[in-house]
Every structure is written in structure tokens, then in C-alpha cells.
Amino acid sequence: MVALAIAVIMAVLDATRTVAASQLVMTPVATSWLAVSPETLSTVQEFVRAKIHPLVWDPVITGILNQPGFIVFGVLAFLLYAVGRKPPRRIGRFIAES
């Protein structure tokens, strides 16, 4: 729910900037993150490079950070929904009813 709310907020901000600039504006996640909390971005970068692997940061995470924020958080919201969704209960064919 939080990821979806962030995606909507970022989409509204980009839509407002697009109307104001009279051209398409899509703010990357890195730009938004730097505006909100630059210290945490550098902390996460150091952590990933030291604890996981430097190649994970450079091609993978920087690629994600360069994508528009509303798309990244929209995809994240969808993935979290898909993981947390309960499958429908199957009633019928193979259940013995008494």
C-alpha cells in the first residue's frame, strides 16, 4: 500500500511538472532520493558495494535509480501485491462433500 501511495504521489508530481514545463517530465528515483535524504543514498551505496558486490550497485541498482520514480514504485507495488495475495480457494471438483 505504501509503495502504491508513493507511486501515485510521484506520478502527480511529474504530471504537475509536465504541465508547468509544457513538456514531458519524468523524475528519476535517484533525483527524488537525493532531494529527500542524500545521506541514506550514499550509505546504501557503500553498504551494497562493501557487503554484496560492487557490480550489483553499478549496473543493476544505478539502472533502477535512473528509471522514473512512479514506474519503479508502481512495479514494486505490483510485485508486493502479487507476493502477498492469497490464492483463491478451490471448492468443487475434488472435494468430498458430506
PDB file of N, CA and C in Angstrom:
ATOM      1  N   MET A   1       0.821  -1.182   0.000  1.00  0.00           N
ATOM      2  CA  MET A   1       0.000   0.000   0.000  1.00  0.00           C
ATOM      3  C   MET A   1       0.874   1.257   0.000  1.00  0.00           C
ATOM      4  N   VAL A   2       1.963   1.203   0.759  1.00  0.00           N
ATOM      5  CA  VAL A   2       2.865   2.363   0.838  1.00  0.00           C
ATOM      6  C   VAL A   2       3.543   2.588  -0.509  1.00  0.00           C
ATOM      7  N   ALA A   3       3.992   1.521  -1.157  1.00  0.00           N
ATOM      8  CA  ALA A   3       4.649   1.658  -2.460  1.00  0.00           C
ATOM      9  C   ALA A   3       3.682   2.227  -3.493  1.00  0.00           C
ATOM     10  N   LEU A   4       2.433   1.811  -3.454  1.00  0.00           N
ATOM     11  CA  LEU A   4       1.432   2.341  -4.374  1.00  0.00           C
ATOM     12  C   LEU A   4       1.164   3.818  -4.092  1.00  0.00           C
ATOM     13  N   ALA A   5       1.097   4.193  -2.827  1.00  0.00           N
ATOM     14  CA  ALA A   5       0.888   5.602  -2.470  1.00  0.00           C
ATOM     15  C   ALA A   5       2.052   6.463  -2.952  1.00  0.00           C
ATOM     16  N   ILE A   6       3.275   5.966  -2.793  1.00  0.00           N
ATOM     17  CA  ILE A   6       4.445   6.715  -3.263  1.00  0.00           C
ATOM     18  C   ILE A   6       4.415   6.831  -4.782  1.00  0.00           C
ATOM     19  N   ALA A   7       4.025   5.763  -5.475  1.00  0.00           N
ATOM     20  CA  ALA A   7       3.934   5.796  -6.941  1.00  0.00           C
ATOM     21  C   ALA A   7       2.927   6.849  -7.392  1.00  0.00           C
ATOM     22  N   VAL A   8       1.788   6.916  -6.732  1.00  0.00           N
ATOM     23  CA  VAL A   8       0.770   7.905  -7.096  1.00  0.00           C
ATOM     24  C   VAL A   8       1.266   9.326  -6.819  1.00  0.00           C
ATOM     25  N   ILE A   9       1.899   9.532  -5.677  1.00  0.00           N
ATOM     26  CA  ILE A   9       2.423  10.857  -5.350  1.00  0.00           C
ATOM     27  C   ILE A   9       3.471  11.289  -6.374  1.00  0.00           C
ATOM     28  N   MET A  10       4.364  10.370  -6.731  1.00  0.00           N
ATOM     29  CA  MET A  10       5.400  10.710  -7.711  1.00  0.00           C
ATOM     30  C   MET A  10       4.800  10.962  -9.089  1.00  0.00           C
ATOM     31  N   ALA A  11       3.760  10.233  -9.448  1.00  0.00           N
ATOM     32  CA  ALA A  11       3.090  10.455 -10.733  1.00  0.00           C
ATOM     33  C   ALA A  11       2.410  11.819 -10.765  1.00  0.00           C
ATOM     34  N   VAL A  12       1.779  12.196  -9.663  1.00  0.00           N
ATOM     35  CA  VAL A  12       1.130  13.511  -9.598  1.00  0.00           C
ATOM     36  C   VAL A  12       2.168  14.628  -9.677  1.00  0.00           C
ATOM     37  N   LEU A  13       3.284  14.466  -8.979  1.00  0.00           N
ATOM     38  CA  LEU A  13       4.351  15.473  -9.059  1.00  0.00           C
ATOM     39  C   LEU A  13       4.894  15.606 -10.477  1.00  0.00           C
ATOM     40  N   ASP A  14       5.125  14.475 -11.138  1.00  0.00           N
ATOM     41  CA  ASP A  14       5.615  14.524 -12.515  1.00  0.00           C
ATOM     42  C   ASP A  14       4.573  15.120 -13.462  1.00  0.00           C
ATOM     43  N   ALA A  15       3.295  14.813 -13.248  1.00  0.00           N
ATOM     44  CA  ALA A  15       2.238  15.385 -14.081  1.00  0.00           C
ATOM     45  C   ALA A  15       2.164  16.905 -13.892  1.00  0.00           C
ATOM     46  N   THR A  16       2.311  17.354 -12.655  1.00  0.00           N
ATOM     47  CA  THR A  16       2.299  18.787 -12.380  1.00  0.00           C
ATOM     48  C   THR A  16       3.489  19.475 -13.036  1.00  0.00           C
ATOM     49  N   ARG A  17       4.662  18.865 -12.927  1.00  0.00           N
ATOM     50  CA  ARG A  17       5.855  19.440 -13.560  1.00  0.00           C
ATOM     51  C   ARG A  17       5.740  19.413 -15.078  1.00  0.00           C
ATOM     52  N   THR A  18       5.096  18.392 -15.622  1.00  0.00           N
ATOM     53  CA  THR A  18       4.902  18.302 -17.066  1.00  0.00           C
ATOM     54  C   THR A  18       4.007  19.426 -17.561  1.00  0.00           C
ATOM     55  N   VAL A  19       2.931  19.690 -16.840  1.00  0.00           N
ATOM     56  CA  VAL A  19       2.026  20.772 -17.227  1.00  0.00           C
ATOM     57  C   VAL A  19       2.725  22.121 -17.098  1.00  0.00           C
ATOM     58  N   ALA A  20       3.473  22.312 -16.037  1.00  0.00           N
ATOM     59  CA  ALA A  20       4.164  23.588 -15.825  1.00  0.00           C
ATOM     60  C   ALA A  20       5.247  23.836 -16.869  1.00  0.00           C
ATOM     61  N   ALA A  21       5.938  22.784 -17.283  1.00  0.00           N
ATOM     62  CA  ALA A  21       7.044  22.943 -18.230  1.00  0.00           C
ATOM     63  C   ALA A  21       6.591  22.811 -19.685  1.00  0.00           C
ATOM     64  N   SER A  22       5.366  22.393 -19.904  1.00  0.00           N
ATOM     65  CA  SER A  22       4.827  22.158 -21.246  1.00  0.00           C
ATOM     66  C   SER A  22       5.640  21.131 -22.033  1.00  0.00           C
ATOM     67  N   GLN A  23       6.259  20.234 -21.333  1.00  0.00           N
ATOM     68  CA  GLN A  23       6.966  19.104 -21.940  1.00  0.00           C
ATOM     69  C   GLN A  23       6.987  17.965 -20.934  1.00  0.00           C
ATOM     70  N   LEU A  24       7.211  16.755 -21.439  1.00  0.00           N
ATOM     71  CA  LEU A  24       7.183  15.576 -20.580  1.00  0.00           C
ATOM     72  C   LEU A  24       8.322  15.597 -19.569  1.00  0.00           C
ATOM     73  N   VAL A  25       7.975  15.460 -18.288  1.00  0.00           N
ATOM     74  CA  VAL A  25       8.958  15.424 -17.206  1.00  0.00           C
ATOM     75  C   VAL A  25       8.752  14.137 -16.425  1.00  0.00           C
ATOM     76  N   MET A  26       9.810  13.327 -16.338  1.00  0.00           N
ATOM     77  CA  MET A  26       9.770  12.111 -15.532  1.00  0.00           C
ATOM     78  C   MET A  26      11.001  12.114 -14.639  1.00  0.00           C
ATOM     79  N   THR A  27      10.785  12.275 -13.347  1.00  0.00           N
ATOM     80  CA  THR A  27      11.869  12.400 -12.387  1.00  0.00           C
ATOM     81  C   THR A  27      12.410  11.026 -12.005  1.00  0.00           C
ATOM     82  N   PRO A  28      13.725  10.806 -12.163  1.00  0.00           N
ATOM     83  CA  PRO A  28      14.309   9.520 -11.762  1.00  0.00           C
ATOM     84  C   PRO A  28      14.276   9.335 -10.244  1.00  0.00           C
ATOM     85  N   VAL A  29      14.315   8.095  -9.813  1.00  0.00           N
ATOM     86  CA  VAL A  29      14.304   7.776  -8.389  1.00  0.00           C
ATOM     87  C   VAL A  29      15.505   8.412  -7.686  1.00  0.00           C
ATOM     88  N   ALA A  30      16.670   8.390  -8.323  1.00  0.00           N
ATOM     89  CA  ALA A  30      17.882   8.945  -7.711  1.00  0.00           C
ATOM     90  C   ALA A  30      17.724  10.426  -7.411  1.00  0.00           C
ATOM     91  N   THR A  31      17.117  11.173  -8.311  1.00  0.00           N
ATOM     92  CA  THR A  31      16.902  12.607  -8.090  1.00  0.00           C
ATOM     93  C   THR A  31      15.976  12.838  -6.907  1.00  0.00           C
ATOM     94  N   SER A  32      14.899  12.081  -6.838  1.00  0.00           N
ATOM     95  CA  SER A  32      13.966  12.218  -5.718  1.00  0.00           C
ATOM     96  C   SER A  32      14.620  11.811  -4.402  1.00  0.00           C
ATOM     97  N   TRP A  33      15.395  10.739  -4.433  1.00  0.00           N
ATOM     98  CA  TRP A  33      16.068  10.255  -3.227  1.00  0.00           C
ATOM     99  C   TRP A  33      17.089  11.280  -2.748  1.00  0.00           C
ATOM    100  N   LEU A  34      17.837  11.869  -3.676  1.00  0.00           N
ATOM    101  CA  LEU A  34      18.813  12.897  -3.292  1.00  0.00           C
ATOM    102  C   LEU A  34      18.134  14.123  -2.696  1.00  0.00           C
ATOM    103  N   ALA A  35      16.962  14.457  -3.185  1.00  0.00           N
ATOM    104  CA  ALA A  35      16.234  15.613  -2.659  1.00  0.00           C
ATOM    105  C   ALA A  35      15.716  15.355  -1.246  1.00  0.00           C
ATOM    106  N   VAL A  36      15.333  14.118  -0.969  1.00  0.00           N
ATOM    107  CA  VAL A  36      14.752  13.792   0.328  1.00  0.00           C
ATOM    108  C   VAL A  36      15.818  13.477   1.373  1.00  0.00           C
ATOM    109  N   SER A  37      16.768  12.598   1.017  1.00  0.00           N
ATOM    110  CA  SER A  37      17.752  12.151   2.003  1.00  0.00           C
ATOM    111  C   SER A  37      19.046  11.703   1.314  1.00  0.00           C
ATOM    112  N   PRO A  38      19.944  12.640   1.003  1.00  0.00           N
ATOM    113  CA  PRO A  38      21.174  12.262   0.307  1.00  0.00           C
ATOM    114  C   PRO A  38      22.099  11.368   1.136  1.00  0.00           C
ATOM    115  N   GLU A  39      22.047  11.479   2.458  1.00  0.00           N
ATOM    116  CA  GLU A  39      22.917  10.666   3.305  1.00  0.00           C
ATOM    117  C   GLU A  39      22.584   9.183   3.185  1.00  0.00           C
ATOM    118  N   THR A  40      21.291   8.862   3.130  1.00  0.00           N
ATOM    119  CA  THR A  40      20.916   7.457   3.064  1.00  0.00           C
ATOM    120  C   THR A  40      21.292   6.842   1.718  1.00  0.00           C
ATOM    121  N   LEU A  41      21.258   7.631   0.657  1.00  0.00           N
ATOM    122  CA  LEU A  41      21.662   7.109  -0.645  1.00  0.00           C
ATOM    123  C   LEU A  41      23.134   6.718  -0.635  1.00  0.00           C
ATOM    124  N   SER A  42      23.970   7.568  -0.089  1.00  0.00           N
ATOM    125  CA  SER A  42      25.394   7.230  -0.026  1.00  0.00           C
ATOM    126  C   SER A  42      25.642   6.065   0.935  1.00  0.00           C
ATOM    127  N   THR A  43      24.872   5.982   2.009  1.00  0.00           N
ATOM    128  CA  THR A  43      25.003   4.866   2.954  1.00  0.00           C
ATOM    129  C   THR A  43      24.625   3.544   2.288  1.00  0.00           C
ATOM    130  N   VAL A  44      23.526   3.550   1.543  1.00  0.00           N
ATOM    131  CA  VAL A  44      23.097   2.336   0.846  1.00  0.00           C
ATOM    132  C   VAL A  44      24.123   1.946  -0.214  1.00  0.00           C
ATOM    133  N   GLN A  45      24.668   2.936  -0.914  1.00  0.00           N
ATOM    134  CA  GLN A  45      25.684   2.652  -1.925  1.00  0.00           C
ATOM    135  C   GLN A  45      26.916   1.991  -1.299  1.00  0.00           C
ATOM    136  N   GLU A  46      27.389   2.544  -0.198  1.00  0.00           N
ATOM    137  CA  GLU A  46      28.544   1.956   0.484  1.00  0.00           C
ATOM    138  C   GLU A  46      28.247   0.551   0.988  1.00  0.00           C
ATOM    139  N   PHE A  47      27.050   0.344   1.534  1.00  0.00           N
ATOM    140  CA  PHE A  47      26.669  -0.964   2.044  1.00  0.00           C
ATOM    141  C   PHE A  47      26.650  -2.011   0.933  1.00  0.00           C
ATOM    142  N   VAL A  48      26.006  -1.669  -0.185  1.00  0.00           N
ATOM    143  CA  VAL A  48      25.902  -2.629  -1.286  1.00  0.00           C
ATOM    144  C   VAL A  48      27.275  -2.960  -1.851  1.00  0.00           C
ATOM    145  N   ARG A  49      28.096  -1.946  -2.038  1.00  0.00           N
ATOM    146  CA  ARG A  49      29.433  -2.194  -2.594  1.00  0.00           C
ATOM    147  C   ARG A  49      30.309  -3.012  -1.642  1.00  0.00           C
ATOM    148  N   ALA A  50      30.185  -2.782  -0.335  1.00  0.00           N
ATOM    149  CA  ALA A  50      31.036  -3.478   0.638  1.00  0.00           C
ATOM    150  C   ALA A  50      30.514  -4.873   0.981  1.00  0.00           C
ATOM    151  N   LYS A  51      29.225  -5.007   1.200  1.00  0.00           N
ATOM    152  CA  LYS A  51      28.676  -6.262   1.714  1.00  0.00           C
ATOM    153  C   LYS A  51      28.185  -7.215   0.623  1.00  0.00           C
ATOM    154  N   ILE A  52      27.697  -6.688  -0.483  1.00  0.00           N
ATOM    155  CA  ILE A  52      27.157  -7.573  -1.519  1.00  0.00           C
ATOM    156  C   ILE A  52      28.189  -7.747  -2.627  1.00  0.00           C
ATOM    157  N   HIS A  53      28.291  -6.755  -3.511  1.00  0.00           N
ATOM    158  CA  HIS A  53      29.295  -6.785  -4.581  1.00  0.00           C
ATOM    159  C   HIS A  53      29.231  -5.457  -5.328  1.00  0.00           C
ATOM    160  N   PRO A  54      30.362  -4.896  -5.733  1.00  0.00           N
ATOM    161  CA  PRO A  54      30.339  -3.616  -6.464  1.00  0.00           C
ATOM    162  C   PRO A  54      29.569  -3.686  -7.776  1.00  0.00           C
ATOM    163  N   LEU A  55      29.567  -4.838  -8.435  1.00  0.00           N
ATOM    164  CA  LEU A  55      28.842  -4.950  -9.701  1.00  0.00           C
ATOM    165  C   LEU A  55      27.327  -4.912  -9.520  1.00  0.00           C
ATOM    166  N   VAL A  56      26.860  -5.221  -8.344  1.00  0.00           N
ATOM    167  CA  VAL A  56      25.416  -5.125  -8.092  1.00  0.00           C
ATOM    168  C   VAL A  56      24.998  -3.665  -8.077  1.00  0.00           C
ATOM    169  N   TRP A  57      25.835  -2.802  -7.521  1.00  0.00           N
ATOM    170  CA  TRP A  57      25.482  -1.388  -7.459  1.00  0.00           C
ATOM    171  C   TRP A  57      25.528  -0.746  -8.839  1.00  0.00           C
ATOM    172  N   ASP A  58      26.661  -0.907  -9.530  1.00  0.00           N
ATOM    173  CA  ASP A  58      26.849  -0.127 -10.746  1.00  0.00           C
ATOM    174  C   ASP A  58      25.872  -0.467 -11.865  1.00  0.00           C
ATOM    175  N   PRO A  59      25.793  -1.650 -12.385  1.00  0.00           N
ATOM    176  CA  PRO A  59      24.842  -1.811 -13.485  1.00  0.00           C
ATOM    177  C   PRO A  59      23.397  -2.014 -13.031  1.00  0.00           C
ATOM    178  N   VAL A  60      23.190  -2.701 -11.919  1.00  0.00           N
ATOM    179  CA  VAL A  60      21.830  -3.082 -11.542  1.00  0.00           C
ATOM    180  C   VAL A  60      21.094  -1.952 -10.830  1.00  0.00           C
ATOM    181  N   ILE A  61      21.599  -1.546  -9.686  1.00  0.00           N
ATOM    182  CA  ILE A  61      20.877  -0.564  -8.871  1.00  0.00           C
ATOM    183  C   ILE A  61      20.894   0.817  -9.514  1.00  0.00           C
ATOM    184  N   THR A  62      22.003   1.210 -10.132  1.00  0.00           N
ATOM    185  CA  THR A  62      22.002   2.516 -10.806  1.00  0.00           C
ATOM    186  C   THR A  62      21.033   2.527 -11.984  1.00  0.00           C
ATOM    187  N   GLY A  63      20.863   1.373 -12.628  1.00  0.00           N
ATOM    188  CA  GLY A  63      19.862   1.282 -13.692  1.00  0.00           C
ATOM    189  C   GLY A  63      18.455   1.496 -13.169  1.00  0.00           C
ATOM    190  N   ILE A  64      18.174   0.929 -12.011  1.00  0.00           N
ATOM    191  CA  ILE A  64      16.857   1.120 -11.389  1.00  0.00           C
ATOM    192  C   ILE A  64      16.690   2.559 -10.924  1.00  0.00           C
ATOM    193  N   LEU A  65      17.744   3.130 -10.338  1.00  0.00           N
ATOM    194  CA  LEU A  65      17.658   4.505  -9.837  1.00  0.00           C
ATOM    195  C   LEU A  65      17.502   5.532 -10.954  1.00  0.00           C
ATOM    196  N   ASN A  66      17.864   5.191 -12.173  1.00  0.00           N
ATOM    197  CA  ASN A  66      17.715   6.119 -13.294  1.00  0.00           C
ATOM    198  C   ASN A  66      16.340   6.047 -13.948  1.00  0.00           C
ATOM    199  N   GLN A  67      15.503   5.121 -13.515  1.00  0.00           N
ATOM    200  CA  GLN A  67      14.152   4.997 -14.055  1.00  0.00           C
ATOM    201  C   GLN A  67      13.215   5.985 -13.362  1.00  0.00           C
ATOM    202  N   PRO A  68      12.110   6.361 -14.024  1.00  0.00           N
ATOM    203  CA  PRO A  68      11.139   7.256 -13.380  1.00  0.00           C
ATOM    204  C   PRO A  68      10.589   6.645 -12.097  1.00  0.00           C
ATOM    205  N   GLY A  69      10.448   7.485 -11.087  1.00  0.00           N
ATOM    206  CA  GLY A  69      10.035   7.016  -9.768  1.00  0.00           C
ATOM    207  C   GLY A  69       8.672   6.364  -9.728  1.00  0.00           C
ATOM    208  N   PHE A  70       7.707   6.928 -10.466  1.00  0.00           N
ATOM    209  CA  PHE A  70       6.366   6.356 -10.404  1.00  0.00           C
ATOM    210  C   PHE A  70       6.328   4.965 -11.029  1.00  0.00           C
ATOM    211  N   ILE A  71       7.190   4.704 -11.995  1.00  0.00           N
ATOM    212  CA  ILE A  71       7.237   3.373 -12.603  1.00  0.00           C
ATOM    213  C   ILE A  71       7.884   2.377 -11.646  1.00  0.00           C
ATOM    214  N   VAL A  72       8.983   2.771 -11.029  1.00  0.00           N
ATOM    215  CA  VAL A  72       9.683   1.873 -10.097  1.00  0.00           C
ATOM    216  C   VAL A  72       8.778   1.498  -8.926  1.00  0.00           C
ATOM    217  N   PHE A  73       8.133   2.493  -8.330  1.00  0.00           N
ATOM    218  CA  PHE A  73       7.278   2.191  -7.187  1.00  0.00           C
ATOM    219  C   PHE A  73       5.976   1.512  -7.610  1.00  0.00           C
ATOM    220  N   GLY A  74       5.506   1.762  -8.821  1.00  0.00           N
ATOM    221  CA  GLY A  74       4.338   1.049  -9.330  1.00  0.00           C
ATOM    222  C   GLY A  74       4.634  -0.430  -9.522  1.00  0.00           C
ATOM    223  N   VAL A  75       5.793  -0.738 -10.095  1.00  0.00           N
ATOM    224  CA  VAL A  75       6.202  -2.135 -10.271  1.00  0.00           C
ATOM    225  C   VAL A  75       6.420  -2.795  -8.910  1.00  0.00           C
ATOM    226  N   LEU A  76       7.061  -2.065  -7.986  1.00  0.00           N
ATOM    227  CA  LEU A  76       7.265  -2.601  -6.644  1.00  0.00           C
ATOM    228  C   LEU A  76       5.928  -2.900  -5.960  1.00  0.00           C
ATOM    229  N   ALA A  77       4.966  -1.991  -6.101  1.00  0.00           N
ATOM    230  CA  ALA A  77       3.646  -2.208  -5.502  1.00  0.00           C
ATOM    231  C   ALA A  77       2.978  -3.439  -6.100  1.00  0.00           C
ATOM    232  N   PHE A  78       3.088  -3.613  -7.417  1.00  0.00           N
ATOM    233  CA  PHE A  78       2.505  -4.787  -8.066  1.00  0.00           C
ATOM    234  C   PHE A  78       3.168  -6.071  -7.589  1.00  0.00           C
ATOM    235  N   LEU A  79       4.502  -6.068  -7.503  1.00  0.00           N
ATOM    236  CA  LEU A  79       5.213  -7.265  -7.047  1.00  0.00           C
ATOM    237  C   LEU A  79       4.861  -7.620  -5.607  1.00  0.00           C
ATOM    238  N   LEU A  80       4.788  -6.617  -4.742  1.00  0.00           N
ATOM    239  CA  LEU A  80       4.409  -6.882  -3.354  1.00  0.00           C
ATOM    240  C   LEU A  80       2.974  -7.385  -3.258  1.00  0.00           C
ATOM    241  N   TYR A  81       2.090  -6.862  -4.103  1.00  0.00           N
ATOM    242  CA  TYR A  81       0.714  -7.347  -4.133  1.00  0.00           C
ATOM    243  C   TYR A  81       0.672  -8.806  -4.589  1.00  0.00           C
ATOM    244  N   ALA A  82       1.433  -9.128  -5.633  1.00  0.00           N
ATOM    245  CA  ALA A  82       1.436 -10.489  -6.170  1.00  0.00           C
ATOM    246  C   ALA A  82       1.999 -11.485  -5.156  1.00  0.00           C
ATOM    247  N   VAL A  83       3.022 -11.084  -4.417  1.00  0.00           N
ATOM    248  CA  VAL A  83       3.613 -11.968  -3.418  1.00  0.00           C
ATOM    249  C   VAL A  83       2.657 -12.165  -2.237  1.00  0.00           C
ATOM    250  N   GLY A  84       1.969 -11.130  -1.832  1.00  0.00           N
ATOM    251  CA  GLY A  84       1.118 -11.205  -0.651  1.00  0.00           C
ATOM    252  C   GLY A  84      -0.301 -11.647  -0.902  1.00  0.00           C
ATOM    253  N   ARG A  85      -0.685 -11.820  -2.148  1.00  0.00           N
ATOM    254  CA  ARG A  85      -2.057 -12.187  -2.476  1.00  0.00           C
ATOM    255  C   ARG A  85      -2.316 -13.636  -2.128  1.00  0.00           C
ATOM    256  N   LYS A  86      -3.458 -13.884  -1.519  1.00  0.00           N
ATOM    257  CA  LYS A  86      -3.850 -15.258  -1.209  1.00  0.00           C
ATOM    258  C   LYS A  86      -4.513 -15.856  -2.442  1.00  0.00           C
ATOM    259  N   PRO A  87      -4.136 -17.071  -2.804  1.00  0.00           N
ATOM    260  CA  PRO A  87      -4.775 -17.697  -3.965  1.00  0.00           C
ATOM    261  C   PRO A  87      -6.242 -17.994  -3.665  1.00  0.00           C
ATOM    262  N   PRO A  88      -7.068 -17.975  -4.692  1.00  0.00           N
ATOM    263  CA  PRO A  88      -8.484 -18.264  -4.446  1.00  0.00           C
ATOM    264  C   PRO A  88      -8.673 -19.696  -3.969  1.00  0.00           C
ATOM    265  N   ARG A  89      -9.631 -19.879  -3.120  1.00  0.00           N
ATOM    266  CA  ARG A  89      -9.904 -21.193  -2.560  1.00  0.00           C
ATOM    267  C   ARG A  89     -10.622 -22.043  -3.596  1.00  0.00           C
ATOM    268  N   ARG A  90     -10.136 -23.232  -3.765  1.00  0.00           N
ATOM    269  CA  ARG A  90     -10.735 -24.119  -4.768  1.00  0.00           C
ATOM    270  C   ARG A  90     -11.779 -25.003  -4.088  1.00  0.00           C
ATOM    271  N   ILE A  91     -12.996 -24.767  -4.468  1.00  0.00           N
ATOM    272  CA  ILE A  91     -14.091 -25.560  -3.917  1.00  0.00           C
ATOM    273  C   ILE A  91     -14.744 -26.263  -5.103  1.00  0.00           C
ATOM    274  N   GLY A  92     -15.011 -27.502  -4.946  1.00  0.00           N
ATOM    275  CA  GLY A  92     -15.727 -28.126  -6.034  1.00  0.00           C
ATOM    276  C   GLY A  92     -15.276 -29.519  -6.362  1.00  0.00           C
ATOM    277  N   ARG A  93     -14.700 -29.670  -7.485  1.00  0.00           N
ATOM    278  CA  ARG A  93     -14.458 -30.953  -8.142  1.00  0.00           C
ATOM    279  C   ARG A  93     -13.862 -32.052  -7.283  1.00  0.00           C
ATOM    280  N   PHE A  94     -12.783 -31.762  -6.599  1.00  0.00           N
ATOM    281  CA  PHE A  94     -12.053 -32.820  -5.904  1.00  0.00           C
ATOM    282  C   PHE A  94     -12.279 -32.820  -4.394  1.00  0.00           C
ATOM    283  N   ILE A  95     -13.272 -32.127  -3.936  1.00  0.00           N
ATOM    284  CA  ILE A  95     -13.547 -32.075  -2.507  1.00  0.00           C
ATOM    285  C   ILE A  95     -14.771 -32.964  -2.227  1.00  0.00           C
ATOM    286  N   ALA A  96     -14.602 -33.847  -1.271  1.00  0.00           N
ATOM    287  CA  ALA A  96     -15.721 -34.721  -0.900  1.00  0.00           C
ATOM    288  C   ALA A  96     -16.642 -33.947   0.035  1.00  0.00           C
ATOM    289  N   GLU A  97     -17.859 -33.825  -0.376  1.00  0.00           N
ATOM    290  CA  GLU A  97     -18.837 -33.122   0.449  1.00  0.00           C
ATOM    291  C   GLU A  97     -19.627 -34.133   1.258  1.00  0.00           C
ATOM    292  N   SER A  98     -19.939 -33.773   2.496  1.00  0.00           N
ATOM    293  CA  SER A  98     -20.693 -34.697   3.334  1.00  0.00           C
ATOM    294  C   SER A  98     -22.111 -34.281   3.489  1.00  0.00           C
TER     295      SER A  98
END
